[in-house]
PDB file of all heavy atoms in Angstrom:
ATOM      1  N   TYR A   1      -1.979  15.646  -9.998  1.00  0.00           N
ATOM      2  CA  TYR A   1      -0.908  16.255 -10.779  1.00  0.00           C
ATOM      3  C   TYR A   1      -1.414  17.436 -11.608  1.00  0.00           C
ATOM      4  O   TYR A   1      -0.675  18.392 -11.845  1.00  0.00           O
ATOM      5  CB  TYR A   1      -0.134  15.222 -11.603  1.00  0.00           C
ATOM      6  CG  TYR A   1      -0.695  14.860 -12.953  1.00  0.00           C
ATOM      7  CD1 TYR A   1      -0.354  15.587 -14.084  1.00  0.00           C
ATOM      8  CD2 TYR A   1      -1.531  13.771 -13.103  1.00  0.00           C
ATOM      9  CE1 TYR A   1      -0.845  15.243 -15.322  1.00  0.00           C
ATOM     10  CE2 TYR A   1      -2.021  13.418 -14.330  1.00  0.00           C
ATOM     11  CZ  TYR A   1      -1.677  14.157 -15.447  1.00  0.00           C
ATOM     12  OH  TYR A   1      -2.163  13.817 -16.669  1.00  0.00           O
ATOM     13  N   ASN A   2      -2.669  17.405 -12.020  1.00  0.00           N
ATOM     14  CA  ASN A   2      -3.219  18.555 -12.748  1.00  0.00           C
ATOM     15  C   ASN A   2      -3.351  19.778 -11.849  1.00  0.00           C
ATOM     16  O   ASN A   2      -3.064  20.901 -12.273  1.00  0.00           O
ATOM     17  CB  ASN A   2      -4.580  18.201 -13.350  1.00  0.00           C
ATOM     18  CG  ASN A   2      -4.450  17.326 -14.563  1.00  0.00           C
ATOM     19  OD1 ASN A   2      -3.538  17.494 -15.362  1.00  0.00           O
ATOM     20  ND2 ASN A   2      -5.342  16.375 -14.707  1.00  0.00           N
ATOM     21  N   ALA A   3      -3.770  19.586 -10.616  1.00  0.00           N
ATOM     22  CA  ALA A   3      -3.883  20.711  -9.678  1.00  0.00           C
ATOM     23  C   ALA A   3      -2.517  21.292  -9.367  1.00  0.00           C
ATOM     24  O   ALA A   3      -2.345  22.521  -9.349  1.00  0.00           O
ATOM     25  CB  ALA A   3      -4.569  20.243  -8.393  1.00  0.00           C
ATOM     26  N   VAL A   4      -1.530  20.435  -9.145  1.00  0.00           N
ATOM     27  CA  VAL A   4      -0.171  20.912  -8.884  1.00  0.00           C
ATOM     28  C   VAL A   4       0.388  21.605 -10.119  1.00  0.00           C
ATOM     29  O   VAL A   4       1.046  22.644 -10.017  1.00  0.00           O
ATOM     30  CB  VAL A   4       0.742  19.745  -8.432  1.00  0.00           C
ATOM     31  CG1 VAL A   4       2.191  20.175  -8.374  1.00  0.00           C
ATOM     32  CG2 VAL A   4       0.290  19.224  -7.087  1.00  0.00           C
ATOM     33  N   CYS A   5       0.120  21.051 -11.284  1.00  0.00           N
ATOM     34  CA  CYS A   5       0.575  21.675 -12.536  1.00  0.00           C
ATOM     35  C   CYS A   5       0.036  23.092 -12.651  1.00  0.00           C
ATOM     36  O   CYS A   5       0.782  24.027 -12.950  1.00  0.00           O
ATOM     37  CB  CYS A   5       0.134  20.823 -13.725  1.00  0.00           C
ATOM     38  SG  CYS A   5       0.523  21.542 -15.327  1.00  0.00           S
ATOM     39  N   PHE A   6      -1.242  23.264 -12.409  1.00  0.00           N
ATOM     40  CA  PHE A   6      -1.857  24.588 -12.486  1.00  0.00           C
ATOM     41  C   PHE A   6      -1.231  25.538 -11.480  1.00  0.00           C
ATOM     42  O   PHE A   6      -0.815  26.640 -11.814  1.00  0.00           O
ATOM     43  CB  PHE A   6      -3.367  24.473 -12.255  1.00  0.00           C
ATOM     44  CG  PHE A   6      -4.059  25.801 -12.185  1.00  0.00           C
ATOM     45  CD1 PHE A   6      -4.289  26.539 -13.328  1.00  0.00           C
ATOM     46  CD2 PHE A   6      -4.469  26.322 -10.969  1.00  0.00           C
ATOM     47  CE1 PHE A   6      -4.915  27.777 -13.267  1.00  0.00           C
ATOM     48  CE2 PHE A   6      -5.095  27.543 -10.886  1.00  0.00           C
ATOM     49  CZ  PHE A   6      -5.327  28.282 -12.045  1.00  0.00           C
ATOM     50  N   ALA A   7      -1.142  25.113 -10.235  1.00  0.00           N
ATOM     51  CA  ALA A   7      -0.612  25.985  -9.184  1.00  0.00           C
ATOM     52  C   ALA A   7       0.870  26.289  -9.407  1.00  0.00           C
ATOM     53  O   ALA A   7       1.317  27.429  -9.231  1.00  0.00           O
ATOM     54  CB  ALA A   7      -0.821  25.343  -7.818  1.00  0.00           C
ATOM     55  N   PHE A   8       1.638  25.274  -9.800  1.00  0.00           N
ATOM     56  CA  PHE A   8       3.074  25.472  -9.967  1.00  0.00           C
ATOM     57  C   PHE A   8       3.397  26.340 -11.177  1.00  0.00           C
ATOM     58  O   PHE A   8       4.473  26.942 -11.234  1.00  0.00           O
ATOM     59  CB  PHE A   8       3.794  24.125 -10.066  1.00  0.00           C
ATOM     60  CG  PHE A   8       5.280  24.254 -10.026  1.00  0.00           C
ATOM     61  CD1 PHE A   8       5.921  24.546  -8.828  1.00  0.00           C
ATOM     62  CD2 PHE A   8       6.046  24.111 -11.162  1.00  0.00           C
ATOM     63  CE1 PHE A   8       7.295  24.685  -8.777  1.00  0.00           C
ATOM     64  CE2 PHE A   8       7.412  24.247 -11.121  1.00  0.00           C
ATOM     65  CZ  PHE A   8       8.045  24.534  -9.928  1.00  0.00           C
ATOM     66  N   SER A   9       2.491  26.432 -12.132  1.00  0.00           N
ATOM     67  CA  SER A   9       2.732  27.290 -13.299  1.00  0.00           C
ATOM     68  C   SER A   9       2.972  28.738 -12.882  1.00  0.00           C
ATOM     69  O   SER A   9       3.801  29.429 -13.473  1.00  0.00           O
ATOM     70  CB  SER A   9       1.543  27.222 -14.255  1.00  0.00           C
ATOM     71  OG  SER A   9       1.415  25.936 -14.767  1.00  0.00           O
ATOM     72  N   PHE A  10       2.282  29.179 -11.852  1.00  0.00           N
ATOM     73  CA  PHE A  10       2.470  30.550 -11.377  1.00  0.00           C
ATOM     74  C   PHE A  10       3.819  30.700 -10.655  1.00  0.00           C
ATOM     75  O   PHE A  10       4.482  31.728 -10.776  1.00  0.00           O
ATOM     76  CB  PHE A  10       1.314  30.960 -10.462  1.00  0.00           C
ATOM     77  CG  PHE A  10       0.000  30.979 -11.175  1.00  0.00           C
ATOM     78  CD1 PHE A  10      -0.916  29.955 -10.994  1.00  0.00           C
ATOM     79  CD2 PHE A  10      -0.314  32.010 -12.050  1.00  0.00           C
ATOM     80  CE1 PHE A  10      -2.135  29.960 -11.668  1.00  0.00           C
ATOM     81  CE2 PHE A  10      -1.530  32.025 -12.727  1.00  0.00           C
ATOM     82  CZ  PHE A  10      -2.443  30.995 -12.535  1.00  0.00           C
ATOM     83  N   VAL A  11       4.213  29.685  -9.931  1.00  0.00           N
ATOM     84  CA  VAL A  11       5.517  29.686  -9.263  1.00  0.00           C
ATOM     85  C   VAL A  11       6.629  29.647 -10.311  1.00  0.00           C
ATOM     86  O   VAL A  11       7.627  30.367 -10.209  1.00  0.00           O
ATOM     87  CB  VAL A  11       5.636  28.483  -8.299  1.00  0.00           C
ATOM     88  CG1 VAL A  11       7.025  28.381  -7.706  1.00  0.00           C
ATOM     89  CG2 VAL A  11       4.574  28.561  -7.219  1.00  0.00           C
ATOM     90  N   LEU A  12       6.440  28.821 -11.307  1.00  0.00           N
ATOM     91  CA  LEU A  12       7.415  28.645 -12.375  1.00  0.00           C
ATOM     92  C   LEU A  12       7.729  29.975 -13.054  1.00  0.00           C
ATOM     93  O   LEU A  12       8.896  30.284 -13.323  1.00  0.00           O
ATOM     94  CB  LEU A  12       6.860  27.637 -13.391  1.00  0.00           C
ATOM     95  CG  LEU A  12       7.763  27.096 -14.464  1.00  0.00           C
ATOM     96  CD1 LEU A  12       8.892  26.289 -13.849  1.00  0.00           C
ATOM     97  CD2 LEU A  12       6.959  26.196 -15.390  1.00  0.00           C
ATOM     98  N   LEU A  13       6.718  30.747 -13.290  1.00  0.00           N
ATOM     99  CA  LEU A  13       6.882  32.042 -13.943  1.00  0.00           C
ATOM    100  C   LEU A  13       7.804  32.952 -13.147  1.00  0.00           C
ATOM    101  O   LEU A  13       8.691  33.599 -13.702  1.00  0.00           O
ATOM    102  CB  LEU A  13       5.499  32.690 -14.121  1.00  0.00           C
ATOM    103  CG  LEU A  13       5.449  34.053 -14.779  1.00  0.00           C
ATOM    104  CD1 LEU A  13       5.917  33.958 -16.212  1.00  0.00           C
ATOM    105  CD2 LEU A  13       4.042  34.604 -14.704  1.00  0.00           C
ATOM    106  N   ARG A  14       7.625  32.986 -11.851  1.00  0.00           N
ATOM    107  CA  ARG A  14       8.423  33.877 -11.001  1.00  0.00           C
ATOM    108  C   ARG A  14       9.836  33.355 -10.751  1.00  0.00           C
ATOM    109  O   ARG A  14      10.801  34.101 -10.784  1.00  0.00           O
ATOM    110  CB  ARG A  14       7.711  34.112  -9.683  1.00  0.00           C
ATOM    111  CG  ARG A  14       6.492  34.993  -9.852  1.00  0.00           C
ATOM    112  CD  ARG A  14       5.995  35.490  -8.513  1.00  0.00           C
ATOM    113  NE  ARG A  14       5.029  36.557  -8.673  1.00  0.00           N
ATOM    114  CZ  ARG A  14       3.776  36.409  -9.025  1.00  0.00           C
ATOM    115  NH1 ARG A  14       3.309  35.218  -9.309  1.00  0.00           N
ATOM    116  NH2 ARG A  14       2.964  37.444  -9.112  1.00  0.00           N
ATOM    117  N   VAL A  15       9.954  32.064 -10.493  1.00  0.00           N
ATOM    118  CA  VAL A  15      11.257  31.492 -10.141  1.00  0.00           C
ATOM    119  C   VAL A  15      12.191  31.453 -11.349  1.00  0.00           C
ATOM    120  O   VAL A  15      13.404  31.617 -11.209  1.00  0.00           O
ATOM    121  CB  VAL A  15      11.077  30.090  -9.516  1.00  0.00           C
ATOM    122  CG1 VAL A  15      12.408  29.425  -9.255  1.00  0.00           C
ATOM    123  CG2 VAL A  15      10.270  30.186  -8.239  1.00  0.00           C
ATOM    124  N   THR A  16      11.648  31.276 -12.538  1.00  0.00           N
ATOM    125  CA  THR A  16      12.466  31.202 -13.747  1.00  0.00           C
ATOM    126  C   THR A  16      13.221  32.507 -13.989  1.00  0.00           C
ATOM    127  O   THR A  16      14.292  32.491 -14.594  1.00  0.00           O
ATOM    128  CB  THR A  16      11.587  30.835 -14.960  1.00  0.00           C
ATOM    129  OG1 THR A  16      10.960  29.584 -14.698  1.00  0.00           O
ATOM    130  CG2 THR A  16      12.398  30.702 -16.226  1.00  0.00           C
ATOM    131  N   LYS A  17      12.708  33.620 -13.509  1.00  0.00           N
ATOM    132  CA  LYS A  17      13.422  34.895 -13.642  1.00  0.00           C
ATOM    133  C   LYS A  17      14.781  34.845 -12.956  1.00  0.00           C
ATOM    134  O   LYS A  17      15.721  35.508 -13.379  1.00  0.00           O
ATOM    135  CB  LYS A  17      12.590  36.031 -13.052  1.00  0.00           C
ATOM    136  CG  LYS A  17      11.346  36.350 -13.815  1.00  0.00           C
ATOM    137  CD  LYS A  17      10.555  37.459 -13.132  1.00  0.00           C
ATOM    138  CE  LYS A  17       9.245  37.702 -13.839  1.00  0.00           C
ATOM    139  NZ  LYS A  17       8.440  38.718 -13.164  1.00  0.00           N
ATOM    140  N   TYR A  18      14.895  34.048 -11.895  1.00  0.00           N
ATOM    141  CA  TYR A  18      16.134  33.973 -11.123  1.00  0.00           C
ATOM    142  C   TYR A  18      17.038  32.831 -11.570  1.00  0.00           C
ATOM    143  O   TYR A  18      18.260  32.943 -11.501  1.00  0.00           O
ATOM    144  CB  TYR A  18      15.821  33.827  -9.630  1.00  0.00           C
ATOM    145  CG  TYR A  18      14.977  34.958  -9.105  1.00  0.00           C
ATOM    146  CD1 TYR A  18      13.637  34.756  -8.806  1.00  0.00           C
ATOM    147  CD2 TYR A  18      15.512  36.237  -8.945  1.00  0.00           C
ATOM    148  CE1 TYR A  18      12.848  35.799  -8.336  1.00  0.00           C
ATOM    149  CE2 TYR A  18      14.733  37.285  -8.481  1.00  0.00           C
ATOM    150  CZ  TYR A  18      13.406  37.059  -8.178  1.00  0.00           C
ATOM    151  OH  TYR A  18      12.620  38.097  -7.733  1.00  0.00           O
ATOM    152  N   THR A  19      16.455  31.726 -12.007  1.00  0.00           N
ATOM    153  CA  THR A  19      17.254  30.548 -12.352  1.00  0.00           C
ATOM    154  C   THR A  19      17.566  30.444 -13.841  1.00  0.00           C
ATOM    155  O   THR A  19      18.541  29.812 -14.216  1.00  0.00           O
ATOM    156  CB  THR A  19      16.517  29.262 -11.947  1.00  0.00           C
ATOM    157  OG1 THR A  19      15.308  29.161 -12.698  1.00  0.00           O
ATOM    158  CG2 THR A  19      16.239  29.222 -10.471  1.00  0.00           C
ATOM    159  N   GLY A  20      16.721  31.017 -14.677  1.00  0.00           N
ATOM    160  CA  GLY A  20      16.840  30.818 -16.117  1.00  0.00           C
ATOM    161  C   GLY A  20      16.026  29.606 -16.534  1.00  0.00           C
ATOM    162  O   GLY A  20      15.815  28.682 -15.736  1.00  0.00           O
ATOM    163  N   PRO A  21      15.555  29.588 -17.772  1.00  0.00           N
ATOM    164  CA  PRO A  21      14.658  28.500 -18.196  1.00  0.00           C
ATOM    165  C   PRO A  21      15.328  27.128 -18.274  1.00  0.00           C
ATOM    166  O   PRO A  21      14.703  26.125 -17.950  1.00  0.00           O
ATOM    167  CB  PRO A  21      14.147  28.953 -19.566  1.00  0.00           C
ATOM    168  CG  PRO A  21      15.072  30.011 -20.019  1.00  0.00           C
ATOM    169  CD  PRO A  21      15.693  30.613 -18.800  1.00  0.00           C
ATOM    170  N   LYS A  22      16.595  27.070 -18.679  1.00  0.00           N
ATOM    171  CA  LYS A  22      17.243  25.759 -18.817  1.00  0.00           C
ATOM    172  C   LYS A  22      17.429  25.079 -17.469  1.00  0.00           C
ATOM    173  O   LYS A  22      17.106  23.896 -17.317  1.00  0.00           O
ATOM    174  CB  LYS A  22      18.590  25.909 -19.522  1.00  0.00           C
ATOM    175  CG  LYS A  22      18.471  26.277 -20.972  1.00  0.00           C
ATOM    176  CD  LYS A  22      19.819  26.447 -21.607  1.00  0.00           C
ATOM    177  CE  LYS A  22      19.674  26.966 -23.025  1.00  0.00           C
ATOM    178  NZ  LYS A  22      20.973  27.220 -23.637  1.00  0.00           N
ATOM    179  N   LEU A  23      17.934  25.811 -16.499  1.00  0.00           N
ATOM    180  CA  LEU A  23      18.127  25.233 -15.168  1.00  0.00           C
ATOM    181  C   LEU A  23      16.781  24.862 -14.542  1.00  0.00           C
ATOM    182  O   LEU A  23      16.628  23.781 -13.967  1.00  0.00           O
ATOM    183  CB  LEU A  23      18.886  26.199 -14.264  1.00  0.00           C
ATOM    184  CG  LEU A  23      19.083  25.744 -12.815  1.00  0.00           C
ATOM    185  CD1 LEU A  23      19.878  24.443 -12.764  1.00  0.00           C
ATOM    186  CD2 LEU A  23      19.760  26.827 -12.005  1.00  0.00           C
ATOM    187  N   MET A  24      15.811  25.737 -14.685  1.00  0.00           N
ATOM    188  CA  MET A  24      14.487  25.470 -14.103  1.00  0.00           C
ATOM    189  C   MET A  24      13.857  24.235 -14.725  1.00  0.00           C
ATOM    190  O   MET A  24      13.288  23.391 -14.021  1.00  0.00           O
ATOM    191  CB  MET A  24      13.592  26.694 -14.286  1.00  0.00           C
ATOM    192  CG  MET A  24      12.325  26.615 -13.499  1.00  0.00           C
ATOM    193  SD  MET A  24      12.744  26.649 -11.754  1.00  0.00           S
ATOM    194  CE  MET A  24      11.233  26.139 -11.049  1.00  0.00           C
ATOM    195  N   HIS A  25      13.963  24.116 -16.044  1.00  0.00           N
ATOM    196  CA  HIS A  25      13.396  22.959 -16.734  1.00  0.00           C
ATOM    197  C   HIS A  25      14.095  21.678 -16.273  1.00  0.00           C
ATOM    198  O   HIS A  25      13.436  20.658 -16.030  1.00  0.00           O
ATOM    199  CB  HIS A  25      13.524  23.146 -18.242  1.00  0.00           C
ATOM    200  CG  HIS A  25      12.737  22.176 -19.060  1.00  0.00           C
ATOM    201  ND1 HIS A  25      11.409  21.888 -18.838  1.00  0.00           N
ATOM    202  CD2 HIS A  25      13.099  21.398 -20.109  1.00  0.00           C
ATOM    203  CE1 HIS A  25      10.988  20.989 -19.727  1.00  0.00           C
ATOM    204  NE2 HIS A  25      12.008  20.680 -20.496  1.00  0.00           N
ATOM    205  N   SER A  26      15.413  21.727 -16.140  1.00  0.00           N
ATOM    206  CA  SER A  26      16.159  20.558 -15.678  1.00  0.00           C
ATOM    207  C   SER A  26      15.727  20.145 -14.277  1.00  0.00           C
ATOM    208  O   SER A  26      15.537  18.955 -13.998  1.00  0.00           O
ATOM    209  CB  SER A  26      17.661  20.850 -15.687  1.00  0.00           C
ATOM    210  OG  SER A  26      18.103  21.114 -16.976  1.00  0.00           O
ATOM    211  N   LEU A  27      15.599  21.116 -13.393  1.00  0.00           N
ATOM    212  CA  LEU A  27      15.166  20.810 -12.023  1.00  0.00           C
ATOM    213  C   LEU A  27      13.767  20.206 -12.000  1.00  0.00           C
ATOM    214  O   LEU A  27      13.508  19.225 -11.290  1.00  0.00           O
ATOM    215  CB  LEU A  27      15.204  22.075 -11.164  1.00  0.00           C
ATOM    216  CG  LEU A  27      16.589  22.643 -10.856  1.00  0.00           C
ATOM    217  CD1 LEU A  27      16.468  24.001 -10.167  1.00  0.00           C
ATOM    218  CD2 LEU A  27      17.391  21.678 -10.022  1.00  0.00           C
ATOM    219  N   CYS A  28      12.861  20.785 -12.779  1.00  0.00           N
ATOM    220  CA  CYS A  28      11.480  20.286 -12.814  1.00  0.00           C
ATOM    221  C   CYS A  28      11.420  18.873 -13.381  1.00  0.00           C
ATOM    222  O   CYS A  28      10.669  18.027 -12.875  1.00  0.00           O
ATOM    223  CB  CYS A  28      10.600  21.224 -13.623  1.00  0.00           C
ATOM    224  SG  CYS A  28      10.307  22.807 -12.827  1.00  0.00           S
ATOM    225  N   LEU A  29      12.203  18.604 -14.428  1.00  0.00           N
ATOM    226  CA  LEU A  29      12.218  17.247 -14.982  1.00  0.00           C
ATOM    227  C   LEU A  29      12.803  16.251 -13.981  1.00  0.00           C
ATOM    228  O   LEU A  29      12.347  15.110 -13.892  1.00  0.00           O
ATOM    229  CB  LEU A  29      12.996  17.223 -16.293  1.00  0.00           C
ATOM    230  CG  LEU A  29      12.357  17.961 -17.465  1.00  0.00           C
ATOM    231  CD1 LEU A  29      13.260  17.890 -18.686  1.00  0.00           C
ATOM    232  CD2 LEU A  29      10.983  17.431 -17.781  1.00  0.00           C
ATOM    233  N   GLY A  30      13.800  16.694 -13.218  1.00  0.00           N
ATOM    234  CA  GLY A  30      14.352  15.836 -12.173  1.00  0.00           C
ATOM    235  C   GLY A  30      13.325  15.520 -11.102  1.00  0.00           C
ATOM    236  O   GLY A  30      13.212  14.371 -10.638  1.00  0.00           O
ATOM    237  N   ILE A  31      12.554  16.521 -10.701  1.00  0.00           N
ATOM    238  CA  ILE A  31      11.491  16.307  -9.711  1.00  0.00           C
ATOM    239  C   ILE A  31      10.437  15.355 -10.268  1.00  0.00           C
ATOM    240  O   ILE A  31       9.937  14.475  -9.568  1.00  0.00           O
ATOM    241  CB  ILE A  31      10.875  17.657  -9.286  1.00  0.00           C
ATOM    242  CG1 ILE A  31      11.906  18.456  -8.489  1.00  0.00           C
ATOM    243  CG2 ILE A  31       9.600  17.451  -8.476  1.00  0.00           C
ATOM    244  CD1 ILE A  31      11.515  19.897  -8.246  1.00  0.00           C
ATOM    245  N   GLY A  32      10.116  15.515 -11.549  1.00  0.00           N
ATOM    246  CA  GLY A  32       9.161  14.604 -12.189  1.00  0.00           C
ATOM    247  C   GLY A  32       9.689  13.177 -12.240  1.00  0.00           C
ATOM    248  O   GLY A  32       8.937  12.218 -12.042  1.00  0.00           O
ATOM    249  N   ALA A  33      10.993  13.030 -12.497  1.00  0.00           N
ATOM    250  CA  ALA A  33      11.587  11.693 -12.523  1.00  0.00           C
ATOM    251  C   ALA A  33      11.501  11.046 -11.141  1.00  0.00           C
ATOM    252  O   ALA A  33      11.177   9.856 -11.020  1.00  0.00           O
ATOM    253  CB  ALA A  33      13.041  11.777 -12.979  1.00  0.00           C
ATOM    254  N   ILE A  34      11.758  11.826 -10.106  1.00  0.00           N
ATOM    255  CA  ILE A  34      11.631  11.306  -8.743  1.00  0.00           C
ATOM    256  C   ILE A  34      10.182  10.881  -8.481  1.00  0.00           C
ATOM    257  O   ILE A  34       9.926   9.826  -7.900  1.00  0.00           O
ATOM    258  CB  ILE A  34      12.107  12.348  -7.714  1.00  0.00           C
ATOM    259  CG1 ILE A  34      13.620  12.535  -7.836  1.00  0.00           C
ATOM    260  CG2 ILE A  34      11.715  11.946  -6.297  1.00  0.00           C
ATOM    261  CD1 ILE A  34      14.164  13.732  -7.082  1.00  0.00           C
ATOM    262  N   GLY A  35       9.241  11.714  -8.948  1.00  0.00           N
ATOM    263  CA  GLY A  35       7.828  11.361  -8.789  1.00  0.00           C
ATOM    264  C   GLY A  35       7.480  10.055  -9.473  1.00  0.00           C
ATOM    265  O   GLY A  35       6.787   9.207  -8.897  1.00  0.00           O
ATOM    266  N   LEU A  36       7.968   9.861 -10.692  1.00  0.00           N
ATOM    267  CA  LEU A  36       7.681   8.615 -11.407  1.00  0.00           C
ATOM    268  C   LEU A  36       8.357   7.421 -10.742  1.00  0.00           C
ATOM    269  O   LEU A  36       7.770   6.338 -10.641  1.00  0.00           O
ATOM    270  CB  LEU A  36       8.142   8.728 -12.862  1.00  0.00           C
ATOM    271  CG  LEU A  36       7.276   9.583 -13.773  1.00  0.00           C
ATOM    272  CD1 LEU A  36       7.962   9.799 -15.116  1.00  0.00           C
ATOM    273  CD2 LEU A  36       5.920   8.954 -13.977  1.00  0.00           C
ATOM    274  N   LEU A  37       9.598   7.611 -10.289  1.00  0.00           N
ATOM    275  CA  LEU A  37      10.332   6.506  -9.679  1.00  0.00           C
ATOM    276  C   LEU A  37       9.773   6.096  -8.318  1.00  0.00           C
ATOM    277  O   LEU A  37       9.966   4.950  -7.898  1.00  0.00           O
ATOM    278  CB  LEU A  37      11.809   6.878  -9.538  1.00  0.00           C
ATOM    279  CG  LEU A  37      12.584   6.985 -10.852  1.00  0.00           C
ATOM    280  CD1 LEU A  37      13.972   7.568 -10.605  1.00  0.00           C
ATOM    281  CD2 LEU A  37      12.685   5.623 -11.529  1.00  0.00           C
TER     282      LEU A  37
END
């Protein structure tokens, strides 16, 4: 998860320009919830 966190941080920066921070954060938290479940 640390390696993915590092790599995804660069993706997050670019994709957030298109989605906005609130939507992006919601999607990422949803993906994290799926990971935990």
